[in-house]
């Protein structure tokens, strides 16, 4: 993200907004890496069910703060 292109929003500067977006984007990767052994032990069927559940919850999200 280019900090010059990110506008200020409310009390957050454009750079602060970028930091928040980067942290949100990295969250799923960090979570997967933290639980890699448990994920490796799961069956393919369980992983598929978990993936379907995650997709369904994202599809029903109405915006900021939902979930």
PDB file of N, CA and C in Angstrom:
ATOM      1  N   UNK A   1       0.835  -1.179   0.000  1.00  0.00           N
ATOM      2  CA  UNK A   1       0.000   0.000   0.000  1.00  0.00           C
ATOM      3  C   UNK A   1       0.882   1.246   0.000  1.00  0.00           C
ATOM      4  N   UNK A   2       0.500   2.192  -0.777  1.00  0.00           N
ATOM      5  CA  UNK A   2       1.243   3.447  -0.806  1.00  0.00           C
ATOM      6  C   UNK A   2       0.609   4.410   0.183  1.00  0.00           C
ATOM      7  N   UNK A   3       1.371   4.838   1.162  1.00  0.00           N
ATOM      8  CA  UNK A   3       0.802   5.676   2.211  1.00  0.00           C
ATOM      9  C   UNK A   3       0.292   7.009   1.683  1.00  0.00           C
ATOM     10  N   UNK A   4       0.849   7.498   0.599  1.00  0.00           N
ATOM     11  CA  UNK A   4       0.399   8.777   0.048  1.00  0.00           C
ATOM     12  C   UNK A   4      -0.990   8.666  -0.558  1.00  0.00           C
ATOM     13  N   UNK A   5      -1.391   7.464  -0.927  1.00  0.00           N
ATOM     14  CA  UNK A   5      -2.689   7.269  -1.567  1.00  0.00           C
ATOM     15  C   UNK A   5      -3.802   6.945  -0.579  1.00  0.00           C
ATOM     16  N   UNK A   6      -3.461   6.688   0.650  1.00  0.00           N
ATOM     17  CA  UNK A   6      -4.456   6.313   1.647  1.00  0.00           C
ATOM     18  C   UNK A   6      -4.919   7.550   2.398  1.00  0.00           C
ATOM     19  N   UNK A   7      -6.208   7.874   2.315  1.00  0.00           N
ATOM     20  CA  UNK A   7      -6.692   9.086   2.988  1.00  0.00           C
ATOM     21  C   UNK A   7      -6.814   8.884   4.497  1.00  0.00           C
ATOM     22  N   UNK A   8      -6.830   9.991   5.219  1.00  0.00           N
ATOM     23  CA  UNK A   8      -7.096   9.943   6.643  1.00  0.00           C
ATOM     24  C   UNK A   8      -8.572   9.603   6.836  1.00  0.00           C
ATOM     25  N   UNK A   9      -8.879   8.915   7.904  1.00  0.00           N
ATOM     26  CA  UNK A   9     -10.253   8.554   8.192  1.00  0.00           C
ATOM     27  C   UNK A   9     -10.500   8.795   9.665  1.00  0.00           C
ATOM     28  N   UNK A  10     -11.432   9.678   9.966  1.00  0.00           N
ATOM     29  CA  UNK A  10     -11.772  10.000  11.339  1.00  0.00           C
ATOM     30  C   UNK A  10     -10.508  10.396  12.089  1.00  0.00           C
ATOM     31  N   UNK A  11     -10.173   9.687  13.143  1.00  0.00           N
ATOM     32  CA  UNK A  11      -9.007  10.023  13.961  1.00  0.00           C
ATOM     33  C   UNK A  11      -7.756   9.263  13.535  1.00  0.00           C
ATOM     34  N   UNK A  12      -7.853   8.399  12.512  1.00  0.00           N
ATOM     35  CA  UNK A  12      -6.707   7.618  12.069  1.00  0.00           C
ATOM     36  C   UNK A  12      -6.071   8.249  10.837  1.00  0.00           C
ATOM     37  N   UNK A  13      -4.762   8.312  10.848  1.00  0.00           N
ATOM     38  CA  UNK A  13      -4.056   8.817   9.668  1.00  0.00           C
ATOM     39  C   UNK A  13      -4.076   7.741   8.590  1.00  0.00           C
ATOM     40  N   UNK A  14      -3.730   8.123   7.383  1.00  0.00           N
ATOM     41  CA  UNK A  14      -3.655   7.159   6.291  1.00  0.00           C
ATOM     42  C   UNK A  14      -2.689   6.030   6.607  1.00  0.00           C
ATOM     43  N   UNK A  15      -1.553   6.353   7.223  1.00  0.00           N
ATOM     44  CA  UNK A  15      -0.567   5.312   7.571  1.00  0.00           C
ATOM     45  C   UNK A  15      -1.117   4.373   8.638  1.00  0.00           C
ATOM     46  N   UNK A  16      -1.843   4.919   9.618  1.00  0.00           N
ATOM     47  CA  UNK A  16      -2.458   4.061  10.632  1.00  0.00           C
ATOM     48  C   UNK A  16      -3.480   3.126  10.002  1.00  0.00           C
ATOM     49  N   UNK A  17      -4.223   3.617   9.019  1.00  0.00           N
ATOM     50  CA  UNK A  17      -5.188   2.779   8.315  1.00  0.00           C
ATOM     51  C   UNK A  17      -4.468   1.640   7.602  1.00  0.00           C
ATOM     52  N   UNK A  18      -3.328   1.927   7.000  1.00  0.00           N
ATOM     53  CA  UNK A  18      -2.544   0.889   6.326  1.00  0.00           C
ATOM     54  C   UNK A  18      -2.079  -0.169   7.312  1.00  0.00           C
ATOM     55  N   UNK A  19      -1.631   0.270   8.489  1.00  0.00           N
ATOM     56  CA  UNK A  19      -1.163  -0.683   9.500  1.00  0.00           C
ATOM     57  C   UNK A  19      -2.293  -1.616   9.925  1.00  0.00           C
ATOM     58  N   UNK A  20      -3.491  -1.065  10.102  1.00  0.00           N
ATOM     59  CA  UNK A  20      -4.645  -1.876  10.490  1.00  0.00           C
ATOM     60  C   UNK A  20      -4.970  -2.875   9.380  1.00  0.00           C
ATOM     61  N   UNK A  21      -4.978  -2.408   8.135  1.00  0.00           N
ATOM     62  CA  UNK A  21      -5.287  -3.288   7.009  1.00  0.00           C
ATOM     63  C   UNK A  21      -4.252  -4.402   6.878  1.00  0.00           C
ATOM     64  N   UNK A  22      -2.986  -4.078   7.074  1.00  0.00           N
ATOM     65  CA  UNK A  22      -1.937  -5.094   6.990  1.00  0.00           C
ATOM     66  C   UNK A  22      -2.106  -6.136   8.094  1.00  0.00           C
ATOM     67  N   UNK A  23      -2.448  -5.684   9.294  1.00  0.00           N
ATOM     68  CA  UNK A  23      -2.634  -6.616  10.410  1.00  0.00           C
ATOM     69  C   UNK A  23      -3.828  -7.532  10.163  1.00  0.00           C
ATOM     70  N   UNK A  24      -4.901  -6.983   9.623  1.00  0.00           N
ATOM     71  CA  UNK A  24      -6.080  -7.800   9.323  1.00  0.00           C
ATOM     72  C   UNK A  24      -5.745  -8.821   8.241  1.00  0.00           C
ATOM     73  N   UNK A  25      -5.025  -8.378   7.224  1.00  0.00           N
ATOM     74  CA  UNK A  25      -4.652  -9.278   6.133  1.00  0.00           C
ATOM     75  C   UNK A  25      -3.732 -10.390   6.569  1.00  0.00           C
ATOM     76  N   UNK A  26      -2.857 -10.119   7.515  1.00  0.00           N
ATOM     77  CA  UNK A  26      -1.894 -11.116   7.972  1.00  0.00           C
ATOM     78  C   UNK A  26      -2.490 -12.060   9.022  1.00  0.00           C
ATOM     79  N   UNK A  27      -3.608 -11.690   9.599  1.00  0.00           N
ATOM     80  CA  UNK A  27      -4.218 -12.490  10.660  1.00  0.00           C
ATOM     81  C   UNK A  27      -4.467 -13.939  10.284  1.00  0.00           C
ATOM     82  N   UNK A  28      -5.118 -14.203   9.144  1.00  0.00           N
ATOM     83  CA  UNK A  28      -5.377 -15.603   8.785  1.00  0.00           C
ATOM     84  C   UNK A  28      -4.095 -16.420   8.596  1.00  0.00           C
ATOM     85  N   UNK A  29      -3.066 -15.827   8.020  1.00  0.00           N
ATOM     86  CA  UNK A  29      -1.800 -16.549   7.824  1.00  0.00           C
ATOM     87  C   UNK A  29      -1.183 -16.883   9.179  1.00  0.00           C
ATOM     88  N   UNK A  30      -1.162 -15.919  10.078  1.00  0.00           N
ATOM     89  CA  UNK A  30      -0.601 -16.161  11.415  1.00  0.00           C
ATOM     90  C   UNK A  30      -1.375 -17.250  12.137  1.00  0.00           C
ATOM     91  N   UNK A  31      -2.685 -17.224  12.012  1.00  0.00           N
ATOM     92  CA  UNK A  31      -3.517 -18.232  12.665  1.00  0.00           C
ATOM     93  C   UNK A  31      -3.252 -19.622  12.100  1.00  0.00           C
ATOM     94  N   UNK A  32      -3.155 -19.720  10.774  1.00  0.00           N
ATOM     95  CA  UNK A  32      -2.862 -21.015  10.155  1.00  0.00           C
ATOM     96  C   UNK A  32      -1.508 -21.542  10.600  1.00  0.00           C
ATOM     97  N   UNK A  33      -0.511 -20.694  10.631  1.00  0.00           N
ATOM     98  CA  UNK A  33       0.832 -21.128  11.035  1.00  0.00           C
ATOM     99  C   UNK A  33       0.864 -21.528  12.507  1.00  0.00           C
ATOM    100  N   UNK A  34       0.115 -20.840  13.329  1.00  0.00           N
ATOM    101  CA  UNK A  34       0.089 -21.168  14.759  1.00  0.00           C
ATOM    102  C   UNK A  34      -0.576 -22.513  15.022  1.00  0.00           C
ATOM    103  N   UNK A  35      -1.435 -22.933  14.111  1.00  0.00           N
ATOM    104  CA  UNK A  35      -2.184 -24.174  14.303  1.00  0.00           C
ATOM    105  C   UNK A  35      -1.856 -25.226  13.238  1.00  0.00           C
ATOM    106  N   UNK A  36      -0.703 -25.105  12.612  1.00  0.00           N
ATOM    107  CA  UNK A  36      -0.366 -25.986  11.478  1.00  0.00           C
ATOM    108  C   UNK A  36      -0.354 -27.464  11.863  1.00  0.00           C
ATOM    109  N   UNK A  37       0.103 -27.815  13.063  1.00  0.00           N
ATOM    110  CA  UNK A  37       0.136 -29.219  13.460  1.00  0.00           C
ATOM    111  C   UNK A  37      -1.272 -29.789  13.604  1.00  0.00           C
ATOM    112  N   UNK A  38      -2.162 -29.009  14.194  1.00  0.00           N
ATOM    113  CA  UNK A  38      -3.543 -29.465  14.347  1.00  0.00           C
ATOM    114  C   UNK A  38      -4.231 -29.570  12.986  1.00  0.00           C
ATOM    115  N   UNK A  39      -3.940 -28.643  12.091  1.00  0.00           N
ATOM    116  CA  UNK A  39      -4.526 -28.684  10.753  1.00  0.00           C
ATOM    117  C   UNK A  39      -4.016 -29.906   9.992  1.00  0.00           C
ATOM    118  N   UNK A  40      -2.721 -30.192  10.116  1.00  0.00           N
ATOM    119  CA  UNK A  40      -2.130 -31.350   9.431  1.00  0.00           C
ATOM    120  C   UNK A  40      -2.754 -32.656   9.921  1.00  0.00           C
ATOM    121  N   UNK A  41      -3.196 -32.696  11.162  1.00  0.00           N
ATOM    122  CA  UNK A  41      -3.784 -33.906  11.724  1.00  0.00           C
ATOM    123  C   UNK A  41      -5.249 -34.091  11.320  1.00  0.00           C
ATOM    124  N   UNK A  42      -5.853 -33.055  10.743  1.00  0.00           N
ATOM    125  CA  UNK A  42      -7.259 -33.140  10.358  1.00  0.00           C
ATOM    126  C   UNK A  42      -7.430 -33.962   9.076  1.00  0.00           C
ATOM    127  N   UNK A  43      -8.594 -34.562   8.956  1.00  0.00           N
ATOM    128  CA  UNK A  43      -8.905 -35.290   7.725  1.00  0.00           C
ATOM    129  C   UNK A  43      -9.288 -34.288   6.639  1.00  0.00           C
ATOM    130  N   UNK A  44      -9.191 -34.714   5.402  1.00  0.00           N
ATOM    131  CA  UNK A  44      -9.568 -33.859   4.276  1.00  0.00           C
ATOM    132  C   UNK A  44     -11.039 -33.461   4.395  1.00  0.00           C
ATOM    133  N   UNK A  45     -11.870 -34.381   4.810  1.00  0.00           N
ATOM    134  CA  UNK A  45     -13.299 -34.103   4.968  1.00  0.00           C
ATOM    135  C   UNK A  45     -13.530 -32.995   5.995  1.00  0.00           C
ATOM    136  N   UNK A  46     -12.821 -33.063   7.129  1.00  0.00           N
ATOM    137  CA  UNK A  46     -12.972 -32.030   8.162  1.00  0.00           C
ATOM    138  C   UNK A  46     -12.479 -30.675   7.668  1.00  0.00           C
ATOM    139  N   UNK A  47     -11.387 -30.665   6.932  1.00  0.00           N
ATOM    140  CA  UNK A  47     -10.865 -29.406   6.391  1.00  0.00           C
ATOM    141  C   UNK A  47     -11.859 -28.808   5.405  1.00  0.00           C
ATOM    142  N   UNK A  48     -12.468 -29.644   4.569  1.00  0.00           N
ATOM    143  CA  UNK A  48     -13.472 -29.151   3.628  1.00  0.00           C
ATOM    144  C   UNK A  48     -14.680 -28.569   4.352  1.00  0.00           C
ATOM    145  N   UNK A  49     -15.127 -29.235   5.415  1.00  0.00           N
ATOM    146  CA  UNK A  49     -16.254 -28.721   6.202  1.00  0.00           C
ATOM    147  C   UNK A  49     -15.900 -27.381   6.842  1.00  0.00           C
ATOM    148  N   UNK A  50     -14.688 -27.277   7.374  1.00  0.00           N
ATOM    149  CA  UNK A  50     -14.237 -26.038   7.990  1.00  0.00           C
ATOM    150  C   UNK A  50     -14.168 -24.915   6.961  1.00  0.00           C
ATOM    151  N   UNK A  51     -13.692 -25.234   5.779  1.00  0.00           N
ATOM    152  CA  UNK A  51     -13.613 -24.261   4.697  1.00  0.00           C
ATOM    153  C   UNK A  51     -15.004 -23.776   4.287  1.00  0.00           C
ATOM    154  N   UNK A  52     -15.951 -24.687   4.188  1.00  0.00           N
ATOM    155  CA  UNK A  52     -17.331 -24.317   3.849  1.00  0.00           C
ATOM    156  C   UNK A  52     -17.925 -23.409   4.915  1.00  0.00           C
ATOM    157  N   UNK A  53     -17.664 -23.706   6.174  1.00  0.00           N
ATOM    158  CA  UNK A  53     -18.165 -22.884   7.268  1.00  0.00           C
ATOM    159  C   UNK A  53     -17.581 -21.474   7.203  1.00  0.00           C
ATOM    160  N   UNK A  54     -16.282 -21.377   6.940  1.00  0.00           N
ATOM    161  CA  UNK A  54     -15.637 -20.072   6.841  1.00  0.00           C
ATOM    162  C   UNK A  54     -16.196 -19.275   5.671  1.00  0.00           C
ATOM    163  N   UNK A  55     -16.418 -19.926   4.549  1.00  0.00           N
ATOM    164  CA  UNK A  55     -16.977 -19.248   3.374  1.00  0.00           C
ATOM    165  C   UNK A  55     -18.392 -18.757   3.648  1.00  0.00           C
ATOM    166  N   UNK A  56     -19.169 -19.548   4.319  1.00  0.00           N
ATOM    167  CA  UNK A  56     -20.552 -19.166   4.621  1.00  0.00           C
ATOM    168  C   UNK A  56     -20.590 -17.975   5.567  1.00  0.00           C
ATOM    169  N   UNK A  57     -19.703 -17.946   6.544  1.00  0.00           N
ATOM    170  CA  UNK A  57     -19.714 -16.828   7.494  1.00  0.00           C
ATOM    171  C   UNK A  57     -19.273 -15.539   6.821  1.00  0.00           C
ATOM    172  N   UNK A  58     -18.335 -15.616   5.862  1.00  0.00           N
ATOM    173  CA  UNK A  58     -17.920 -14.412   5.126  1.00  0.00           C
ATOM    174  C   UNK A  58     -19.035 -13.923   4.220  1.00  0.00           C
ATOM    175  N   UNK A  59     -19.766 -14.839   3.594  1.00  0.00           N
ATOM    176  CA  UNK A  59     -20.828 -14.470   2.665  1.00  0.00           C
ATOM    177  C   UNK A  59     -21.967 -13.750   3.377  1.00  0.00           C
ATOM    178  N   UNK A  60     -22.184 -14.051   4.657  1.00  0.00           N
ATOM    179  CA  UNK A  60     -23.277 -13.445   5.405  1.00  0.00           C
ATOM    180  C   UNK A  60     -22.851 -12.203   6.176  1.00  0.00           C
ATOM    181  N   UNK A  61     -21.617 -11.777   6.007  1.00  0.00           N
ATOM    182  CA  UNK A  61     -21.118 -10.614   6.735  1.00  0.00           C
ATOM    183  C   UNK A  61     -21.651  -9.342   6.103  1.00  0.00           C
ATOM    184  N   UNK A  62     -22.189  -8.466   6.939  1.00  0.00           N
ATOM    185  CA  UNK A  62     -22.756  -7.222   6.435  1.00  0.00           C
ATOM    186  C   UNK A  62     -21.793  -6.061   6.435  1.00  0.00           C
ATOM    187  N   UNK A  63     -20.593  -6.224   6.942  1.00  0.00           N
ATOM    188  CA  UNK A  63     -19.638  -5.112   6.938  1.00  0.00           C
ATOM    189  C   UNK A  63     -18.774  -5.095   8.176  1.00  0.00           C
ATOM    190  N   UNK A  64     -18.327  -3.931   8.548  1.00  0.00           N
ATOM    191  CA  UNK A  64     -17.389  -3.760   9.664  1.00  0.00           C
ATOM    192  C   UNK A  64     -18.013  -4.266  10.956  1.00  0.00           C
ATOM    193  N   UNK A  65     -17.271  -5.092  11.658  1.00  0.00           N
ATOM    194  CA  UNK A  65     -17.690  -5.552  12.971  1.00  0.00           C
ATOM    195  C   UNK A  65     -18.640  -6.730  12.967  1.00  0.00           C
ATOM    196  N   UNK A  66     -18.963  -7.266  11.795  1.00  0.00           N
ATOM    197  CA  UNK A  66     -19.873  -8.401  11.781  1.00  0.00           C
ATOM    198  C   UNK A  66     -19.098  -9.682  12.032  1.00  0.00           C
ATOM    199  N   UNK A  67     -19.785 -10.718  12.327  1.00  0.00           N
ATOM    200  CA  UNK A  67     -19.114 -12.001  12.485  1.00  0.00           C
ATOM    201  C   UNK A  67     -19.463 -12.597  13.769  1.00  0.00           C
TER     202      UNK A  67
END
